[in-house]
Amino acid sequence: PEMFSTGFSMNPMEIAEDEGGETLQWMCRIAALRQCAIAGSLSVREA
């Protein structure tokens, strides 16, 4: 789902991850381990 790691939070100052943060790293690990794609949205901080 949308914002699957936090819920639909309007508090990005507290919950947003930097580009390349823990949840994206986790997605990359799962995709490589399971040899499948994985998709979903996150709150992300950039520039």
Full PDB file with SEQRES, HELIX, SHEET, SSBOND, CRYST1, ORIGX, SCALE, CONECT and MASTER records, all heavy atoms in Angstrom:
SEQRES   1 A   47  PRO GLU MET PHE SER THR GLY PHE SER MET ASN PRO MET          
SEQRES   2 A   47  GLU ILE ALA GLU ASP GLU GLY GLY GLU THR LEU GLN TRP          
SEQRES   3 A   47  MET CYS ARG ILE ALA ALA LEU ARG GLN CYS ALA ILE ALA          
SEQRES   4 A   47  GLY SER LEU SER VAL ARG GLU ALA                              
HELIX    1 AA1 PRO A   12  ILE A   15  1                                   4    
HELIX    2 AA2 GLU A   22  ARG A   34  1                                  13    
SHEET    1 AA1 2 GLU A  17  ASP A  18  0                                        
SHEET    2 AA1 2 VAL A  44  ARG A  45  1                                        
CRYST1    1.000    1.000    1.000  90.00  90.00  90.00 P 1           1          
ORIGX1      1.000000  0.000000  0.000000        0.00000                         
ORIGX2      0.000000  1.000000  0.000000        0.00000                         
ORIGX3      0.000000  0.000000  1.000000        0.00000                         
SCALE1      1.000000  0.000000  0.000000        0.00000                         
SCALE2      0.000000  1.000000  0.000000        0.00000                         
SCALE3      0.000000  0.000000  1.000000        0.00000                         
ATOM      1  N   PRO A   1       0.805  -1.228   0.000  1.00  0.00           N  
ATOM      2  CA  PRO A   1       0.000   0.000   0.000  1.00  0.00           C  
ATOM      3  C   PRO A   1       0.841   1.284   0.000  1.00  0.00           C  
ATOM      4  O   PRO A   1       2.074   1.259   0.106  1.00  0.00           O  
ATOM      5  CB  PRO A   1      -0.803  -0.110   1.307  1.00  0.00           C  
ATOM      6  CG  PRO A   1      -0.772  -1.552   1.677  1.00  0.00           C  
ATOM      7  CD  PRO A   1       0.553  -2.056   1.189  1.00  0.00           C  
ATOM      8  N   GLU A   2       0.151   2.391  -0.090  1.00  0.00           N  
ATOM      9  CA  GLU A   2       0.755   3.718   0.043  1.00  0.00           C  
ATOM     10  C   GLU A   2       1.343   3.885   1.444  1.00  0.00           C  
ATOM     11  O   GLU A   2       0.735   3.486   2.425  1.00  0.00           O  
ATOM     12  CB  GLU A   2      -0.329   4.768  -0.199  1.00  0.00           C  
ATOM     13  CG  GLU A   2       0.113   6.216  -0.037  1.00  0.00           C  
ATOM     14  CD  GLU A   2      -1.045   7.190  -0.212  1.00  0.00           C  
ATOM     15  OE1 GLU A   2      -2.216   6.786  -0.010  1.00  0.00           O  
ATOM     16  OE2 GLU A   2      -0.774   8.357  -0.551  1.00  0.00           O  
ATOM     17  N   MET A   3       2.525   4.496   1.520  1.00  0.00           N  
ATOM     18  CA  MET A   3       3.207   4.736   2.795  1.00  0.00           C  
ATOM     19  C   MET A   3       3.116   3.501   3.703  1.00  0.00           C  
ATOM     20  O   MET A   3       2.733   3.578   4.871  1.00  0.00           O  
ATOM     21  CB  MET A   3       2.651   5.977   3.495  1.00  0.00           C  
ATOM     22  CG  MET A   3       2.969   7.281   2.795  1.00  0.00           C  
ATOM     23  SD  MET A   3       2.686   8.705   3.870  1.00  0.00           S  
ATOM     24  CE  MET A   3       2.907  10.052   2.709  1.00  0.00           C  
ATOM     25  N   PHE A   4       3.505   2.355   3.138  1.00  0.00           N  
ATOM     26  CA  PHE A   4       3.316   1.078   3.817  1.00  0.00           C  
ATOM     27  C   PHE A   4       4.135   0.938   5.093  1.00  0.00           C  
ATOM     28  O   PHE A   4       3.818   0.110   5.955  1.00  0.00           O  
ATOM     29  CB  PHE A   4       3.638  -0.086   2.871  1.00  0.00           C  
ATOM     30  CG  PHE A   4       5.101  -0.206   2.505  1.00  0.00           C  
ATOM     31  CD1 PHE A   4       5.978  -0.936   3.310  1.00  0.00           C  
ATOM     32  CD2 PHE A   4       5.605   0.393   1.365  1.00  0.00           C  
ATOM     33  CE1 PHE A   4       7.322  -1.057   2.981  1.00  0.00           C  
ATOM     34  CE2 PHE A   4       6.951   0.284   1.025  1.00  0.00           C  
ATOM     35  CZ  PHE A   4       7.807  -0.435   1.844  1.00  0.00           C  
ATOM     36  N   SER A   5       5.172   1.744   5.267  1.00  0.00           N  
ATOM     37  CA  SER A   5       6.017   1.604   6.455  1.00  0.00           C  
ATOM     38  C   SER A   5       5.596   2.499   7.617  1.00  0.00           C  
ATOM     39  O   SER A   5       6.066   2.300   8.739  1.00  0.00           O  
ATOM     40  CB  SER A   5       7.483   1.897   6.094  1.00  0.00           C  
ATOM     41  OG  SER A   5       7.647   3.226   5.667  1.00  0.00           O  
ATOM     42  N   THR A   6       4.696   3.459   7.356  1.00  0.00           N  
ATOM     43  CA  THR A   6       4.333   4.421   8.411  1.00  0.00           C  
ATOM     44  C   THR A   6       2.858   4.719   8.528  1.00  0.00           C  
ATOM     45  O   THR A   6       2.406   5.249   9.541  1.00  0.00           O  
ATOM     46  CB  THR A   6       5.034   5.770   8.149  1.00  0.00           C  
ATOM     47  OG1 THR A   6       4.605   6.277   6.867  1.00  0.00           O  
ATOM     48  CG2 THR A   6       6.538   5.636   8.180  1.00  0.00           C  
ATOM     49  N   GLY A   7       2.087   4.417   7.502  1.00  0.00           N  
ATOM     50  CA  GLY A   7       0.743   4.949   7.409  1.00  0.00           C  
ATOM     51  C   GLY A   7       0.786   6.319   6.755  1.00  0.00           C  
ATOM     52  O   GLY A   7       1.855   6.928   6.583  1.00  0.00           O  
ATOM     53  N   PHE A   8      -0.404   6.831   6.384  1.00  0.00           N  
ATOM     54  CA  PHE A   8      -0.521   8.091   5.644  1.00  0.00           C  
ATOM     55  C   PHE A   8      -0.353   9.263   6.611  1.00  0.00           C  
ATOM     56  O   PHE A   8      -1.305   9.917   7.028  1.00  0.00           O  
ATOM     57  CB  PHE A   8      -1.874   8.142   4.936  1.00  0.00           C  
ATOM     58  CG  PHE A   8      -2.051   9.305   4.004  1.00  0.00           C  
ATOM     59  CD1 PHE A   8      -1.218   9.474   2.919  1.00  0.00           C  
ATOM     60  CD2 PHE A   8      -3.075  10.211   4.209  1.00  0.00           C  
ATOM     61  CE1 PHE A   8      -1.398  10.547   2.049  1.00  0.00           C  
ATOM     62  CE2 PHE A   8      -3.264  11.284   3.346  1.00  0.00           C  
ATOM     63  CZ  PHE A   8      -2.421  11.452   2.265  1.00  0.00           C  
ATOM     64  N   SER A   9       0.898   9.525   6.967  1.00  0.00           N  
ATOM     65  CA  SER A   9       1.216  10.516   7.990  1.00  0.00           C  
ATOM     66  C   SER A   9       1.537  11.877   7.385  1.00  0.00           C  
ATOM     67  O   SER A   9       2.313  11.970   6.432  1.00  0.00           O  
ATOM     68  CB  SER A   9       2.412  10.040   8.820  1.00  0.00           C  
ATOM     69  OG  SER A   9       2.827  11.058   9.707  1.00  0.00           O  
ATOM     70  N   MET A  10       0.959  12.917   7.977  1.00  0.00           N  
ATOM     71  CA  MET A  10       1.259  14.290   7.587  1.00  0.00           C  
ATOM     72  C   MET A  10       2.309  14.883   8.518  1.00  0.00           C  
ATOM     73  O   MET A  10       2.338  16.083   8.772  1.00  0.00           O  
ATOM     74  CB  MET A  10      -0.025  15.137   7.602  1.00  0.00           C  
ATOM     75  CG  MET A  10      -1.076  14.691   6.600  1.00  0.00           C  
ATOM     76  SD  MET A  10      -0.506  14.714   4.875  1.00  0.00           S  
ATOM     77  CE  MET A  10      -0.161  12.967   4.599  1.00  0.00           C  
ATOM     78  N   ASN A  11       3.188  14.023   8.989  1.00  0.00           N  
ATOM     79  CA  ASN A  11       4.259  14.417   9.898  1.00  0.00           C  
ATOM     80  C   ASN A  11       5.614  14.026   9.302  1.00  0.00           C  
ATOM     81  O   ASN A  11       6.398  13.295   9.921  1.00  0.00           O  
ATOM     82  CB  ASN A  11       4.047  13.737  11.258  1.00  0.00           C  
ATOM     83  CG  ASN A  11       4.999  14.232  12.314  1.00  0.00           C  
ATOM     84  OD1 ASN A  11       5.498  15.354  12.247  1.00  0.00           O  
ATOM     85  ND2 ASN A  11       5.280  13.390  13.298  1.00  0.00           N  
ATOM     86  N   PRO A  12       5.911  14.512   8.089  1.00  0.00           N  
ATOM     87  CA  PRO A  12       7.139  14.058   7.423  1.00  0.00           C  
ATOM     88  C   PRO A  12       8.419  14.467   8.145  1.00  0.00           C  
ATOM     89  O   PRO A  12       9.446  13.787   7.991  1.00  0.00           O  
ATOM     90  CB  PRO A  12       7.048  14.709   6.038  1.00  0.00           C  
ATOM     91  CG  PRO A  12       6.177  15.904   6.231  1.00  0.00           C  
ATOM     92  CD  PRO A  12       5.171  15.478   7.252  1.00  0.00           C  
ATOM     93  N   MET A  13       8.389  15.536   8.905  1.00  0.00           N  
ATOM     94  CA  MET A  13       9.585  15.936   9.639  1.00  0.00           C  
ATOM     95  C   MET A  13      10.079  14.824  10.548  1.00  0.00           C  
ATOM     96  O   MET A  13      11.276  14.688  10.814  1.00  0.00           O  
ATOM     97  CB  MET A  13       9.299  17.197  10.462  1.00  0.00           C  
ATOM     98  CG  MET A  13       9.144  18.459   9.644  1.00  0.00           C  
ATOM     99  SD  MET A  13      10.716  19.009   8.921  1.00  0.00           S  
ATOM    100  CE  MET A  13      11.597  19.498  10.400  1.00  0.00           C  
ATOM    101  N   GLU A  14       9.153  13.994  11.014  1.00  0.00           N  
ATOM    102  CA  GLU A  14       9.491  12.915  11.938  1.00  0.00           C  
ATOM    103  C   GLU A  14       9.669  11.571  11.262  1.00  0.00           C  
ATOM    104  O   GLU A  14      10.487  10.758  11.700  1.00  0.00           O  
ATOM    105  CB  GLU A  14       8.404  12.802  13.024  1.00  0.00           C  
ATOM    106  CG  GLU A  14       8.262  14.036  13.899  1.00  0.00           C  
ATOM    107  CD  GLU A  14       9.525  14.318  14.702  1.00  0.00           C  
ATOM    108  OE1 GLU A  14      10.221  13.359  15.087  1.00  0.00           O  
ATOM    109  OE2 GLU A  14       9.825  15.512  14.932  1.00  0.00           O  
ATOM    110  N   ILE A  15       8.919  11.318  10.198  1.00  0.00           N  
ATOM    111  CA  ILE A  15       8.895   9.944   9.656  1.00  0.00           C  
ATOM    112  C   ILE A  15       9.556   9.784   8.291  1.00  0.00           C  
ATOM    113  O   ILE A  15       9.828   8.666   7.862  1.00  0.00           O  
ATOM    114  CB  ILE A  15       7.449   9.390   9.606  1.00  0.00           C  
ATOM    115  CG1 ILE A  15       6.539  10.273   8.740  1.00  0.00           C  
ATOM    116  CG2 ILE A  15       6.870   9.254  11.008  1.00  0.00           C  
ATOM    117  CD1 ILE A  15       6.277   9.752   7.374  1.00  0.00           C  
ATOM    118  N   ALA A  16       9.825  10.882   7.577  1.00  0.00           N  
ATOM    119  CA  ALA A  16      10.398  10.760   6.238  1.00  0.00           C  
ATOM    120  C   ALA A  16      11.815  10.189   6.291  1.00  0.00           C  
ATOM    121  O   ALA A  16      12.590  10.503   7.200  1.00  0.00           O  
ATOM    122  CB  ALA A  16      10.413  12.118   5.540  1.00  0.00           C  
ATOM    123  N   GLU A  17      12.139   9.369   5.321  1.00  0.00           N  
ATOM    124  CA  GLU A  17      13.482   8.805   5.193  1.00  0.00           C  
ATOM    125  C   GLU A  17      14.226   9.524   4.079  1.00  0.00           C  
ATOM    126  O   GLU A  17      13.629   9.977   3.104  1.00  0.00           O  
ATOM    127  CB  GLU A  17      13.411   7.306   4.892  1.00  0.00           C  
ATOM    128  CG  GLU A  17      12.746   6.499   5.984  1.00  0.00           C  
ATOM    129  CD  GLU A  17      12.834   4.995   5.728  1.00  0.00           C  
ATOM    130  OE1 GLU A  17      13.654   4.587   4.875  1.00  0.00           O  
ATOM    131  OE2 GLU A  17      12.083   4.244   6.382  1.00  0.00           O  
ATOM    132  N   ASP A  18      15.535   9.623   4.219  1.00  0.00           N  
ATOM    133  CA  ASP A  18      16.347  10.169   3.145  1.00  0.00           C  
ATOM    134  C   ASP A  18      16.326   9.220   1.947  1.00  0.00           C  
ATOM    135  O   ASP A  18      16.093   8.014   2.102  1.00  0.00           O  
ATOM    136  CB  ASP A  18      17.795  10.364   3.604  1.00  0.00           C  
ATOM    137  CG  ASP A  18      17.925  11.466   4.652  1.00  0.00           C  
ATOM    138  OD1 ASP A  18      17.108  12.410   4.622  1.00  0.00           O  
ATOM    139  OD2 ASP A  18      18.831  11.359   5.489  1.00  0.00           O  
ATOM    140  N   GLU A  19      16.567   9.775   0.767  1.00  0.00           N  
ATOM    141  CA  GLU A  19      16.717   8.937  -0.423  1.00  0.00           C  
ATOM    142  C   GLU A  19      17.805   7.903  -0.147  1.00  0.00           C  
ATOM    143  O   GLU A  19      18.898   8.224   0.312  1.00  0.00           O  
ATOM    144  CB  GLU A  19      17.116   9.799  -1.623  1.00  0.00           C  
ATOM    145  CG  GLU A  19      17.398   9.033  -2.888  1.00  0.00           C  
ATOM    146  CD  GLU A  19      16.168   8.400  -3.500  1.00  0.00           C  
ATOM    147  OE1 GLU A  19      15.044   8.778  -3.134  1.00  0.00           O  
ATOM    148  OE2 GLU A  19      16.339   7.513  -4.353  1.00  0.00           O  
ATOM    149  N   GLY A  20      17.479   6.634  -0.367  1.00  0.00           N  
ATOM    150  CA  GLY A  20      18.424   5.566  -0.050  1.00  0.00           C  
ATOM    151  C   GLY A  20      18.383   5.150   1.404  1.00  0.00           C  
ATOM    152  O   GLY A  20      19.308   4.493   1.891  1.00  0.00           O  
ATOM    153  N   GLY A  21      17.296   5.495   2.102  1.00  0.00           N  
ATOM    154  CA  GLY A  21      17.163   5.186   3.521  1.00  0.00           C  
ATOM    155  C   GLY A  21      16.881   3.714   3.799  1.00  0.00           C  
ATOM    156  O   GLY A  21      16.902   2.859   2.896  1.00  0.00           O  
ATOM    157  N   GLU A  22      16.597   3.423   5.082  1.00  0.00           N  
ATOM    158  CA  GLU A  22      16.484   2.032   5.532  1.00  0.00           C  
ATOM    159  C   GLU A  22      15.409   1.240   4.791  1.00  0.00           C  
ATOM    160  O   GLU A  22      15.620   0.076   4.463  1.00  0.00           O  
ATOM    161  CB  GLU A  22      16.202   1.997   7.037  1.00  0.00           C  
ATOM    162  CG  GLU A  22      17.403   2.374   7.892  1.00  0.00           C  
ATOM    163  CD  GLU A  22      17.134   2.143   9.365  1.00  0.00           C  
ATOM    164  OE1 GLU A  22      16.220   1.345   9.696  1.00  0.00           O  
ATOM    165  OE2 GLU A  22      17.822   2.755  10.187  1.00  0.00           O  
ATOM    166  N   THR A  23      14.259   1.858   4.558  1.00  0.00           N  
ATOM    167  CA  THR A  23      13.177   1.091   3.939  1.00  0.00           C  
ATOM    168  C   THR A  23      13.474   0.781   2.482  1.00  0.00           C  
ATOM    169  O   THR A  23      13.193  -0.324   2.000  1.00  0.00           O  
ATOM    170  CB  THR A  23      11.835   1.820   4.084  1.00  0.00           C  
ATOM    171  OG1 THR A  23      11.554   2.033   5.479  1.00  0.00           O  
ATOM    172  CG2 THR A  23      10.700   1.014   3.478  1.00  0.00           C  
ATOM    173  N   LEU A  24      14.062   1.720   1.761  1.00  0.00           N  
ATOM    174  CA  LEU A  24      14.448   1.427   0.381  1.00  0.00           C  
ATOM    175  C   LEU A  24      15.540   0.352   0.353  1.00  0.00           C  
ATOM    176  O   LEU A  24      15.504  -0.557  -0.488  1.00  0.00           O  
ATOM    177  CB  LEU A  24      14.934   2.685  -0.327  1.00  0.00           C  
ATOM    178  CG  LEU A  24      15.383   2.483  -1.781  1.00  0.00           C  
ATOM    179  CD1 LEU A  24      14.279   1.861  -2.627  1.00  0.00           C  
ATOM    180  CD2 LEU A  24      15.854   3.803  -2.387  1.00  0.00           C  
ATOM    181  N   GLN A  25      16.480   0.410   1.256  1.00  0.00           N  
ATOM    182  CA  GLN A  25      17.508  -0.628   1.334  1.00  0.00           C  
ATOM    183  C   GLN A  25      16.873  -1.984   1.611  1.00  0.00           C  
ATOM    184  O   GLN A  25      17.277  -3.009   1.044  1.00  0.00           O  
ATOM    185  CB  GLN A  25      18.526  -0.295   2.422  1.00  0.00           C  
ATOM    186  CG  GLN A  25      19.388   0.920   2.121  1.00  0.00           C  
ATOM    187  CD  GLN A  25      20.362   1.214   3.238  1.00  0.00           C  
ATOM    188  OE1 GLN A  25      20.904   0.309   3.870  1.00  0.00           O  
ATOM    189  NE2 GLN A  25      20.579   2.496   3.517  1.00  0.00           N  
ATOM    190  N   TRP A  26      15.884  -1.997   2.477  1.00  0.00           N  
ATOM    191  CA  TRP A  26      15.150  -3.229   2.794  1.00  0.00           C  
ATOM    192  C   TRP A  26      14.445  -3.758   1.541  1.00  0.00           C  
ATOM    193  O   TRP A  26      14.497  -4.961   1.252  1.00  0.00           O  
ATOM    194  CB  TRP A  26      14.151  -2.941   3.910  1.00  0.00           C  
ATOM    195  CG  TRP A  26      13.187  -4.045   4.183  1.00  0.00           C  
ATOM    196  CD1 TRP A  26      13.375  -5.116   5.008  1.00  0.00           C  
ATOM    197  CD2 TRP A  26      11.851  -4.186   3.637  1.00  0.00           C  
ATOM    198  NE1 TRP A  26      12.251  -5.911   5.015  1.00  0.00           N  
ATOM    199  CE2 TRP A  26      11.313  -5.367   4.175  1.00  0.00           C  
ATOM    200  CE3 TRP A  26      11.091  -3.433   2.760  1.00  0.00           C  
ATOM    201  CZ2 TRP A  26      10.031  -5.805   3.860  1.00  0.00           C  
ATOM    202  CZ3 TRP A  26       9.818  -3.865   2.434  1.00  0.00           C  
ATOM    203  CH2 TRP A  26       9.305  -5.041   2.985  1.00  0.00           C  
ATOM    204  N   MET A  27      13.808  -2.870   0.772  1.00  0.00           N  
ATOM    205  CA  MET A  27      13.141  -3.286  -0.468  1.00  0.00           C  
ATOM    206  C   MET A  27      14.141  -3.909  -1.432  1.00  0.00           C  
ATOM    207  O   MET A  27      13.854  -4.938  -2.063  1.00  0.00           O  
ATOM    208  CB  MET A  27      12.427  -2.092  -1.116  1.00  0.00           C  
ATOM    209  CG  MET A  27      11.257  -1.549  -0.316  1.00  0.00           C  
ATOM    210  SD  MET A  27      10.533  -0.038  -1.038  1.00  0.00           S  
ATOM    211  CE  MET A  27       9.579  -0.742  -2.395  1.00  0.00           C  
ATOM    212  N   CYS A  28      15.309  -3.308  -1.553  1.00  0.00           N  
ATOM    213  CA  CYS A  28      16.339  -3.844  -2.444  1.00  0.00           C  
ATOM    214  C   CYS A  28      16.796  -5.225  -1.982  1.00  0.00           C  
ATOM    215  O   CYS A  28      17.015  -6.133  -2.800  1.00  0.00           O  
ATOM    216  CB  CYS A  28      17.522  -2.885  -2.502  1.00  0.00           C  
ATOM    217  SG  CYS A  28      17.188  -1.325  -3.358  1.00  0.00           S  
ATOM    218  N   ARG A  29      16.930  -5.390  -0.685  1.00  0.00           N  
ATOM    219  CA  ARG A  29      17.356  -6.682  -0.143  1.00  0.00           C  
ATOM    220  C   ARG A  29      16.304  -7.758  -0.409  1.00  0.00           C  
ATOM    221  O   ARG A  29      16.635  -8.876  -0.828  1.00  0.00           O  
ATOM    222  CB  ARG A  29      17.623  -6.560   1.365  1.00  0.00           C  
ATOM    223  CG  ARG A  29      18.084  -7.866   2.008  1.00  0.00           C  
ATOM    224  CD  ARG A  29      18.438  -7.674   3.454  1.00  0.00           C  
ATOM    225  NE  ARG A  29      17.316  -7.259   4.280  1.00  0.00           N  
ATOM    226  CZ  ARG A  29      16.393  -8.101   4.750  1.00  0.00           C  
ATOM    227  NH1 ARG A  29      16.436  -9.391   4.467  1.00  0.00           N  
ATOM    228  NH2 ARG A  29      15.405  -7.644   5.510  1.00  0.00           N  
ATOM    229  N   ILE A  30      15.042  -7.436  -0.169  1.00  0.00           N  
ATOM    230  CA  ILE A  30      13.966  -8.399  -0.403  1.00  0.00           C  
ATOM    231  C   ILE A  30      13.900  -8.774  -1.880  1.00  0.00           C  
ATOM    232  O   ILE A  30      13.753  -9.956  -2.242  1.00  0.00           O  
ATOM    233  CB  ILE A  30      12.614  -7.826   0.061  1.00  0.00           C  
ATOM    234  CG1 ILE A  30      12.583  -7.662   1.582  1.00  0.00           C  
ATOM    235  CG2 ILE A  30      11.459  -8.703  -0.411  1.00  0.00           C  
ATOM    236  CD1 ILE A  30      12.648  -8.957   2.348  1.00  0.00           C  
ATOM    237  N   ALA A  31      13.997  -7.776  -2.756  1.00  0.00           N  
ATOM    238  CA  ALA A  31      13.923  -8.039  -4.198  1.00  0.00           C  
ATOM    239  C   ALA A  31      15.042  -8.969  -4.651  1.00  0.00           C  
ATOM    240  O   ALA A  31      14.818  -9.891  -5.451  1.00  0.00           O  
ATOM    241  CB  ALA A  31      13.962  -6.727  -4.964  1.00  0.00           C  
ATOM    242  N   ALA A  32      16.248  -8.730  -4.150  1.00  0.00           N  
ATOM    243  CA  ALA A  32      17.389  -9.566  -4.530  1.00  0.00           C  
ATOM    244  C   ALA A  32      17.256 -10.971  -3.951  1.00  0.00           C  
ATOM    245  O   ALA A  32      17.507 -11.970  -4.642  1.00  0.00           O  
ATOM    246  CB  ALA A  32      18.681  -8.918  -4.053  1.00  0.00           C  
ATOM    247  N   LEU A  33      16.855 -11.055  -2.692  1.00  0.00           N  
ATOM    248  CA  LEU A  33      16.736 -12.346  -2.017  1.00  0.00           C  
ATOM    249  C   LEU A  33      15.668 -13.218  -2.653  1.00  0.00           C  
ATOM    250  O   LEU A  33      15.867 -14.422  -2.862  1.00  0.00           O  
ATOM    251  CB  LEU A  33      16.429 -12.122  -0.534  1.00  0.00           C  
ATOM    252  CG  LEU A  33      16.256 -13.368   0.337  1.00  0.00           C  
ATOM    253  CD1 LEU A  33      17.561 -14.140   0.421  1.00  0.00           C  
ATOM    254  CD2 LEU A  33      15.760 -12.972   1.736  1.00  0.00           C  
ATOM    255  N   ARG A  34      14.512 -12.621  -2.963  1.00  0.00           N  
ATOM    256  CA  ARG A  34      13.375 -13.372  -3.502  1.00  0.00           C  
ATOM    257  C   ARG A  34      13.366 -13.424  -5.025  1.00  0.00           C  
ATOM    258  O   ARG A  34      12.519 -14.086  -5.619  1.00  0.00           O  
ATOM    259  CB  ARG A  34      12.062 -12.744  -3.001  1.00  0.00           C  
ATOM    260  CG  ARG A  34      11.926 -12.722  -1.488  1.00  0.00           C  
ATOM    261  CD  ARG A  34      11.844 -14.113  -0.934  1.00  0.00           C  
ATOM    262  NE  ARG A  34      11.829 -14.118   0.523  1.00  0.00           N  
ATOM    263  CZ  ARG A  34      11.880 -15.214   1.262  1.00  0.00           C  
ATOM    264  NH1 ARG A  34      11.940 -16.400   0.659  1.00  0.00           N  
ATOM    265  NH2 ARG A  34      11.875 -15.165   2.581  1.00  0.00           N  
ATOM    266  N   GLN A  35      14.297 -12.685  -5.648  1.00  0.00           N  
ATOM    267  CA  GLN A  35      14.351 -12.602  -7.108  1.00  0.00           C  
ATOM    268  C   GLN A  35      12.994 -12.223  -7.701  1.00  0.00           C  
ATOM    269  O   GLN A  35      12.450 -12.880  -8.609  1.00  0.00           O  
ATOM    270  CB  GLN A  35      14.875 -13.911  -7.707  1.00  0.00           C  
ATOM    271  CG  GLN A  35      16.378 -14.055  -7.604  1.00  0.00           C  
ATOM    272  CD  GLN A  35      17.122 -12.934  -8.332  1.00  0.00           C  
ATOM    273  OE1 GLN A  35      17.108 -12.878  -9.565  1.00  0.00           O  
ATOM    274  NE2 GLN A  35      17.763 -12.040  -7.569  1.00  0.00           N  
ATOM    275  N   CYS A  36      12.456 -11.138  -7.147  1.00  0.00           N  
ATOM    276  CA  CYS A  36      11.203 -10.581  -7.626  1.00  0.00           C  
ATOM    277  C   CYS A  36      11.263  -9.070  -7.443  1.00  0.00           C  
ATOM    278  O   CYS A  36      12.134  -8.553  -6.740  1.00  0.00           O  
ATOM    279  CB  CYS A  36      10.020 -11.163  -6.864  1.00  0.00           C  
ATOM    280  SG  CYS A  36      10.045 -10.726  -5.107  1.00  0.00           S  
ATOM    281  N   ALA A  37      10.341  -8.360  -8.053  1.00  0.00           N  
ATOM    282  CA  ALA A  37      10.239  -6.920  -7.836  1.00  0.00           C  
ATOM    283  C   ALA A  37       9.339  -6.659  -6.635  1.00  0.00           C  
ATOM    284  O   ALA A  37       8.491  -7.490  -6.276  1.00  0.00           O  
ATOM    285  CB  ALA A  37       9.681  -6.230  -9.076  1.00  0.00           C  
ATOM    286  N   ILE A  38       9.522  -5.492  -6.006  1.00  0.00           N  
ATOM    287  CA  ILE A  38       8.675  -5.087  -4.895  1.00  0.00           C  
ATOM    288  C   ILE A  38       8.367  -3.606  -5.056  1.00  0.00           C  
ATOM    289  O   ILE A  38       9.255  -2.825  -5.431  1.00  0.00           O  
ATOM    290  CB  ILE A  38       9.328  -5.402  -3.526  1.00  0.00           C  
ATOM    291  CG1 ILE A  38       8.383  -5.045  -2.376  1.00  0.00           C  
ATOM    292  CG2 ILE A  38      10.675  -4.725  -3.376  1.00  0.00           C  
ATOM    293  CD1 ILE A  38       8.828  -5.591  -1.034  1.00  0.00           C  
ATOM    294  N   ALA A  39       7.118  -3.218  -4.800  1.00  0.00           N  
ATOM    295  CA  ALA A  39       6.682  -1.848  -5.063  1.00  0.00           C  
ATOM    296  C   ALA A  39       5.791  -1.336  -3.943  1.00  0.00           C  
ATOM    297  O   ALA A  39       5.017  -2.090  -3.349  1.00  0.00           O  
ATOM    298  CB  ALA A  39       5.939  -1.792  -6.394  1.00  0.00           C  
ATOM    299  N   GLY A  40       5.882  -0.043  -3.668  1.00  0.00           N  
ATOM    300  CA  GLY A  40       5.056   0.609  -2.665  1.00  0.00           C  
ATOM    301  C   GLY A  40       5.583   2.005  -2.406  1.00  0.00           C  
ATOM    302  O   GLY A  40       6.688   2.343  -2.835  1.00  0.00           O  
ATOM    303  N   SER A  41       4.815   2.841  -1.693  1.00  0.00           N  
ATOM    304  CA  SER A  41       5.274   4.220  -1.503  1.00  0.00           C  
ATOM    305  C   SER A  41       5.719   4.494  -0.072  1.00  0.00           C  
ATOM    306  O   SER A  41       5.309   3.814   0.874  1.00  0.00           O  
ATOM    307  CB  SER A  41       4.192   5.227  -1.931  1.00  0.00           C  
ATOM    308  OG  SER A  41       3.371   5.638  -0.869  1.00  0.00           O  
ATOM    309  N   LEU A  42       6.580   5.532   0.049  1.00  0.00           N  
ATOM    310  CA  LEU A  42       7.155   5.950   1.325  1.00  0.00           C  
ATOM    311  C   LEU A  42       7.127   7.472   1.413  1.00  0.00           C  
ATOM    312  O   LEU A  42       7.059   8.169   0.401  1.00  0.00           O  
ATOM    313  CB  LEU A  42       8.623   5.516   1.441  1.00  0.00           C  
ATOM    314  CG  LEU A  42       9.034   4.096   1.108  1.00  0.00           C  
ATOM    315  CD1 LEU A  42      10.553   3.996   1.133  1.00  0.00           C  
ATOM    316  CD2 LEU A  42       8.416   3.135   2.105  1.00  0.00           C  
ATOM    317  N   SER A  43       7.276   7.983   2.621  1.00  0.00           N  
ATOM    318  CA  SER A  43       7.538   9.396   2.842  1.00  0.00           C  
ATOM    319  C   SER A  43       9.048   9.593   2.732  1.00  0.00           C  
ATOM    320  O   SER A  43       9.810   8.980   3.482  1.00  0.00           O  
ATOM    321  CB  SER A  43       7.032   9.815   4.230  1.00  0.00           C  
ATOM    322  OG  SER A  43       7.363  11.165   4.493  1.00  0.00           O  
ATOM    323  N   VAL A  44       9.474  10.441   1.788  1.00  0.00           N  
ATOM    324  CA  VAL A  44      10.897  10.594   1.484  1.00  0.00           C  
ATOM    325  C   VAL A  44      11.310  12.065   1.540  1.00  0.00           C  
ATOM    326  O   VAL A  44      10.575  12.951   1.076  1.00  0.00           O  
ATOM    327  CB  VAL A  44      11.217  10.011   0.090  1.00  0.00           C  
ATOM    328  CG1 VAL A  44      12.665  10.292  -0.310  1.00  0.00           C  
ATOM    329  CG2 VAL A  44      10.957   8.509   0.075  1.00  0.00           C  
ATOM    330  N   ARG A  45      12.481  12.300   2.079  1.00  0.00           N  
ATOM    331  CA  ARG A  45      13.084  13.637   2.150  1.00  0.00           C  
ATOM    332  C   ARG A  45      14.186  13.751   1.099  1.00  0.00           C  
ATOM    333  O   ARG A  45      15.058  12.903   1.017  1.00  0.00           O  
ATOM    334  CB  ARG A  45      13.673  13.873   3.533  1.00  0.00           C  
ATOM    335  CG  ARG A  45      14.357  15.210   3.735  1.00  0.00           C  
ATOM    336  CD  ARG A  45      15.144  15.250   5.032  1.00  0.00           C  
ATOM    337  NE  ARG A  45      14.296  15.027   6.206  1.00  0.00           N  
ATOM    338  CZ  ARG A  45      14.274  13.888   6.907  1.00  0.00           C  
ATOM    339  NH1 ARG A  45      15.050  12.864   6.544  1.00  0.00           N  
ATOM    340  NH2 ARG A  45      13.482  13.768   7.950  1.00  0.00           N  
ATOM    341  N   GLU A  46      14.127  14.803   0.289  1.00  0.00           N  
ATOM    342  CA  GLU A  46      15.173  15.032  -0.700  1.00  0.00           C  
ATOM    343  C   GLU A  46      15.335  16.534  -0.936  1.00  0.00           C  
ATOM    344  O   GLU A  46      14.363  17.239  -1.231  1.00  0.00           O  
ATOM    345  CB  GLU A  46      14.848  14.339  -2.031  1.00  0.00           C  
ATOM    346  CG  GLU A  46      15.956  14.480  -3.051  1.00  0.00           C  
ATOM    347  CD  GLU A  46      15.653  13.777  -4.369  1.00  0.00           C  
ATOM    348  OE1 GLU A  46      14.503  13.342  -4.568  1.00  0.00           O  
ATOM    349  OE2 GLU A  46      16.560  13.671  -5.196  1.00  0.00           O  
ATOM    350  N   ALA A  47      16.552  17.026  -0.800  1.00  0.00           N  
ATOM    351  CA  ALA A  47      16.890  18.434  -1.055  1.00  0.00           C  
ATOM    352  C   ALA A  47      15.978  19.384  -0.298  1.00  0.00           C  
ATOM    353  O   ALA A  47      15.511  20.400  -0.836  1.00  0.00           O  
ATOM    354  CB  ALA A  47      16.854  18.719  -2.555  1.00  0.00           C  
TER     355      ALA A  47                                                      
MASTER        0    0    0    2    2    0    0    6  354    1    0    4          
END                                                                             
